[in-house]
Amino acid sequence: MKILVCISNVPDTTTKITFTDNNTQFNTNGVQFILNPYDEIALSRAIELSEGGKGTITVINVGETSTEATIRKALAIGADDAVRINAKPHDAWFVAYQIAEYIKQNPFDLILTGRESIDYNGSKVAAMVGELLDLPSVSIIKKLDVDGNSGTVEREIEGGKEVLTIPFPFVAGAAEGVAEPKIPNMRGIMSARTKPLKVVEPAEVKTNLEVLSYETPAPRSQVKLVPADDSGKLIELLHGEARVI
């Protein structure tokens, strides 16, 4: 079984975000980048599925040279090799197109992504890759098992759970519960230095998104305390200021 895990290089959630060039560019100075946590869950499940010689794992990232530290972490966690498509990830469509083009030349049995990246929270790449390759894709799965040439996934739906059995190949976006993230040990960290990391030039594709500007959320207003016995004042504030009733 050949497994491809798509990984993103994202800012740590504790990072203070700022912008440059008249708020049109994300300022990367001083930003700590990490392996996208949902992609780490997908990678951890891939490692569990491939244990005992049952499969091989390739990680793929669309990014510039600055993402290689994150790729090496994925290798340290347990991926066998890696591919970096040498391009700035303009948007979800661009990323999905590059991944799909690589898969067309290098088929895999199972393609995993995280449910979303924690910077844009779009949840688009898994579905787009599936559509571009004409493969089944399932988003936000909570469980994944493999039996022979098919996989069984479980996802939450309104009022219950949905269980699907899908023949290989297919695409799935992993969420919490699929696996516990693995911590690289010293042996993994050392071996990651010598594992293959292939750099591929991007395919030509027109981007569908133009960023005009970014803006940060408005600062939170101060908390207003209302006496417990003054429900009228609370209702007045919820109606007049918060406008939630």
Protein backbone atom coordinates (compact mmCIF):
# COMPACT_ATOMS: atom_id res chain seq x y z
CA MET A 1 0.00 0.00 0.00
CA LYS A 2 1.36 3.37 -1.05
CA ILE A 3 0.16 6.29 1.07
CA LEU A 4 0.59 9.97 0.25
CA VAL A 5 0.13 12.48 3.07
CA CYS A 6 -0.28 16.14 2.09
CA ILE A 7 1.27 18.50 4.63
CA SER A 8 1.15 22.25 5.19
CA ASN A 9 3.63 24.67 6.75
CA VAL A 10 1.57 26.95 9.01
CA PRO A 11 2.21 29.66 11.63
CA ASP A 12 2.08 28.53 15.24
CA THR A 13 -1.20 29.62 16.84
CA THR A 14 0.72 31.67 19.43
CA THR A 15 2.27 33.83 16.70
CA LYS A 16 1.27 37.48 16.50
CA ILE A 17 0.19 38.08 12.90
CA THR A 18 1.13 41.29 11.06
CA PHE A 19 1.12 42.41 7.43
CA THR A 20 3.40 44.41 5.15
CA ASP A 21 3.20 46.23 1.79
CA ASN A 22 0.07 48.16 2.67
CA ASN A 23 -1.55 45.07 4.24
CA THR A 24 -1.23 42.98 1.08
CA GLN A 25 1.50 40.56 2.25
CA PHE A 26 1.78 38.32 5.29
CA ASN A 27 4.81 39.31 7.38
CA THR A 28 6.88 36.18 8.05
CA ASN A 29 9.55 37.93 10.15
CA GLY A 30 9.74 36.35 13.58
CA VAL A 31 6.99 33.83 12.81
CA GLN A 32 7.38 30.29 14.13
CA PHE A 33 6.14 27.80 11.52
CA ILE A 34 4.97 24.29 12.37
CA LEU A 35 3.57 21.17 10.74
CA ASN A 36 -0.18 21.67 10.40
CA PRO A 37 -1.70 19.76 13.37
CA TYR A 38 -4.44 18.09 11.30
CA ASP A 39 -1.88 16.92 8.75
CA GLU A 40 0.13 15.52 11.66
CA ILE A 41 -2.92 13.46 12.66
CA ALA A 42 -3.22 12.14 9.09
CA LEU A 43 0.48 11.26 9.05
CA SER A 44 0.24 9.48 12.40
CA ARG A 45 -2.61 7.29 11.13
CA ALA A 46 -0.67 6.55 7.95
CA ILE A 47 2.25 5.36 10.08
CA GLU A 48 -0.04 3.06 12.07
CA LEU A 49 -1.51 1.60 8.89
CA SER A 50 1.91 0.94 7.36
CA GLU A 51 3.52 -0.67 10.41
CA GLY A 52 5.00 -4.11 9.92
CA GLY A 53 5.90 -3.52 6.28
CA LYS A 54 2.28 -3.06 5.20
CA GLY A 55 2.99 0.12 3.25
CA THR A 56 5.16 3.10 2.46
CA ILE A 57 4.49 6.76 3.23
CA THR A 58 5.39 9.78 1.13
CA VAL A 59 4.69 13.30 2.36
CA ILE A 60 4.14 16.11 -0.13
CA ASN A 61 4.24 19.86 0.41
CA VAL A 62 3.68 22.78 -1.92
CA GLY A 63 6.13 25.37 -0.67
CA GLU A 64 9.43 27.14 -1.03
CA THR A 65 12.75 26.14 0.58
CA SER A 66 11.67 27.64 3.91
CA THR A 67 9.24 24.72 4.40
CA GLU A 68 11.95 22.05 4.43
CA ALA A 69 12.35 22.09 8.22
CA THR A 70 8.66 21.16 8.51
CA ILE A 71 9.09 18.45 5.87
CA ARG A 72 12.05 17.02 7.78
CA LYS A 73 9.89 16.87 10.92
CA ALA A 74 7.37 14.77 9.01
CA LEU A 75 10.21 12.47 7.97
CA ALA A 76 11.39 12.31 11.59
CA ILE A 77 7.90 11.31 12.72
CA GLY A 78 7.99 8.34 10.36
CA ALA A 79 7.42 9.15 6.66
CA ASP A 80 9.70 7.22 4.29
CA ASP A 81 10.35 10.01 1.78
CA ALA A 82 9.13 13.46 0.81
CA VAL A 83 8.31 15.65 -2.17
CA ARG A 84 8.40 19.43 -2.19
CA ILE A 85 6.72 21.19 -5.09
CA ASN A 86 8.81 24.31 -5.42
CA ALA A 87 6.20 27.06 -5.40
CA LYS A 88 4.51 29.53 -3.11
CA PRO A 89 1.09 28.11 -2.19
CA HIS A 90 -1.11 30.88 -3.59
CA ASP A 91 -4.48 29.34 -2.67
CA ALA A 92 -6.24 26.00 -2.15
CA TRP A 93 -6.88 25.53 -5.88
CA PHE A 94 -3.21 26.04 -6.72
CA VAL A 95 -2.10 23.61 -4.01
CA ALA A 96 -4.64 20.94 -5.00
CA TYR A 97 -3.74 21.25 -8.69
CA GLN A 98 -0.02 20.77 -7.99
CA ILE A 99 -0.66 17.72 -5.80
CA ALA A 100 -3.03 16.19 -8.35
CA GLU A 101 -0.53 16.68 -11.18
CA TYR A 102 2.13 14.87 -9.16
CA ILE A 103 -0.22 11.99 -8.35
CA LYS A 104 -1.11 11.57 -12.03
CA GLN A 105 2.54 10.70 -12.66
CA ASN A 106 3.04 8.85 -9.37
CA PRO A 107 -0.13 6.94 -8.34
CA PHE A 108 -0.94 6.16 -4.71
CA ASP A 109 -3.48 3.87 -3.07
CA LEU A 110 -4.47 6.29 -0.34
CA ILE A 111 -4.17 10.09 -0.27
CA LEU A 112 -4.57 11.73 3.14
CA THR A 113 -4.79 15.37 4.14
CA GLY A 114 -5.71 17.13 7.34
CA ARG A 115 -9.31 18.31 7.58
CA GLU A 116 -8.03 21.88 7.08
CA SER A 117 -4.98 24.05 7.62
CA ILE A 118 -5.09 26.14 10.78
CA ASP A 119 -4.12 29.35 8.97
CA TYR A 120 -6.95 29.55 6.38
CA ASN A 121 -9.37 26.87 7.70
CA GLY A 122 -10.70 26.26 4.20
CA SER A 123 -11.20 22.45 4.16
CA LYS A 124 -10.91 22.53 0.37
CA VAL A 125 -7.79 20.65 -0.72
CA ALA A 126 -8.98 17.05 -0.15
CA ALA A 127 -12.17 17.59 -2.16
CA MET A 128 -10.35 19.45 -4.93
CA VAL A 129 -7.67 16.75 -5.27
CA GLY A 130 -10.39 14.10 -5.49
CA GLU A 131 -12.26 16.05 -8.16
CA LEU A 132 -9.12 16.72 -10.22
CA LEU A 133 -8.22 13.01 -10.15
CA ASP A 134 -11.82 11.76 -10.49
CA LEU A 135 -11.43 9.86 -7.21
CA PRO A 136 -13.78 9.49 -4.24
CA SER A 137 -12.99 11.99 -1.48
CA VAL A 138 -14.33 12.16 2.06
CA SER A 139 -13.83 15.19 4.28
CA ILE A 140 -13.49 15.42 8.05
CA ILE A 141 -13.20 11.73 8.86
CA LYS A 142 -12.99 10.64 12.49
CA LYS A 143 -11.85 7.06 11.90
CA LEU A 144 -9.95 5.19 9.19
CA ASP A 145 -9.31 1.46 8.84
CA VAL A 146 -7.91 -0.53 5.93
CA ASP A 147 -8.80 -4.05 4.85
CA GLY A 148 -7.20 -5.41 1.70
CA ASN A 149 -7.82 -3.08 -1.21
CA SER A 150 -10.34 -0.82 0.48
CA GLY A 151 -10.68 1.52 3.42
CA THR A 152 -13.50 2.14 5.86
CA VAL A 153 -14.00 5.68 7.13
CA GLU A 154 -16.31 7.10 9.74
CA ARG A 155 -17.51 10.68 9.84
CA GLU A 156 -19.99 12.62 11.91
CA ILE A 157 -23.18 13.87 10.28
CA GLU A 158 -26.16 15.69 11.72
CA GLY A 159 -27.84 13.36 14.15
CA GLY A 160 -25.42 10.46 13.85
CA LYS A 161 -22.43 8.87 12.13
CA GLU A 162 -21.78 7.85 8.56
CA VAL A 163 -19.65 4.77 7.78
CA LEU A 164 -18.33 4.33 4.24
CA THR A 165 -16.26 1.55 2.68
CA ILE A 166 -14.33 2.83 -0.32
CA PRO A 167 -12.07 0.92 -2.74
CA PHE A 168 -8.57 2.24 -3.34
CA PRO A 169 -7.56 4.78 -4.47
CA PHE A 170 -9.38 7.54 -2.60
CA VAL A 171 -8.76 10.84 -0.78
CA ALA A 172 -9.63 11.54 2.85
CA GLY A 173 -9.30 14.56 5.13
CA ALA A 174 -8.44 13.53 8.70
CA ALA A 175 -9.81 15.21 11.83
CA GLU A 176 -9.36 14.72 15.55
CA GLY A 177 -9.77 11.13 16.68
CA VAL A 178 -8.23 9.45 13.64
CA ALA A 179 -4.92 9.05 15.51
CA GLU A 180 -2.88 10.55 18.31
CA PRO A 181 -0.06 12.76 16.95
CA LYS A 182 3.30 11.04 17.22
CA ILE A 183 6.39 12.69 18.70
CA PRO A 184 9.63 12.09 16.77
CA ASN A 185 12.26 10.22 18.76
CA MET A 186 16.02 10.69 18.47
CA ARG A 187 16.38 7.82 16.01
CA GLY A 188 13.71 9.36 13.79
CA ILE A 189 15.31 12.80 13.96
CA MET A 190 18.70 11.40 12.95
CA SER A 191 17.31 9.27 10.11
CA ALA A 192 15.27 12.20 8.75
CA ARG A 193 18.50 13.88 7.65
CA THR A 194 19.21 11.16 5.12
CA LYS A 195 15.71 10.30 3.92
CA PRO A 196 14.99 11.33 0.30
CA LEU A 197 13.45 14.77 -0.28
CA LYS A 198 12.63 15.29 -3.94
CA VAL A 199 12.09 18.82 -5.28
CA VAL A 200 9.68 19.14 -8.21
CA GLU A 201 8.99 22.25 -10.26
CA PRO A 202 5.31 23.30 -10.31
CA ALA A 203 2.90 22.73 -13.16
CA GLU A 204 1.55 25.82 -14.88
CA VAL A 205 -1.89 26.79 -13.64
CA LYS A 206 -3.81 30.03 -13.49
CA THR A 207 -4.64 31.09 -9.94
CA ASN A 208 -8.27 31.92 -9.26
CA LEU A 209 -7.74 34.17 -6.26
CA GLU A 210 -6.32 37.67 -5.91
CA VAL A 211 -5.71 39.05 -2.43
CA LEU A 212 -6.53 42.75 -2.26
CA SER A 213 -5.64 43.24 1.39
CA TYR A 214 -5.62 41.64 4.82
CA GLU A 215 -6.93 43.03 8.07
CA THR A 216 -6.76 41.85 11.65
CA PRO A 217 -9.93 41.36 13.72
CA ALA A 218 -11.18 44.35 15.65
CA PRO A 219 -9.91 44.39 19.26
CA ARG A 220 -12.29 43.00 21.82
CA SER A 221 -14.21 45.54 23.84
CA GLN A 222 -14.03 45.60 27.61
CA VAL A 223 -16.27 43.26 29.54
CA LYS A 224 -19.29 44.94 31.11
CA LEU A 225 -20.39 43.56 34.45
CA VAL A 226 -24.08 43.57 35.26
CA PRO A 227 -25.38 43.00 38.79
CA ALA A 228 -27.02 39.60 39.18
CA ASP A 229 -30.30 41.17 40.26
CA ASP A 230 -30.50 43.59 37.29
CA SER A 231 -31.79 41.38 34.47
CA GLY A 232 -33.35 44.40 32.77
CA LYS A 233 -29.93 45.98 32.23
CA LEU A 234 -28.58 42.72 30.82
CA ILE A 235 -31.45 42.46 28.34
CA GLU A 236 -30.96 46.10 27.36
CA LEU A 237 -27.25 45.54 26.60
CA LEU A 238 -27.87 42.30 24.68
CA HIS A 239 -30.53 44.02 22.60
CA GLY A 240 -29.03 47.49 22.12
CA GLU A 241 -25.24 46.92 22.02
CA ALA A 242 -24.60 43.24 21.30
CA ARG A 243 -27.71 42.96 19.11
CA VAL A 244 -28.05 39.26 19.73
CA ILE A 245 -31.70 39.40 20.80
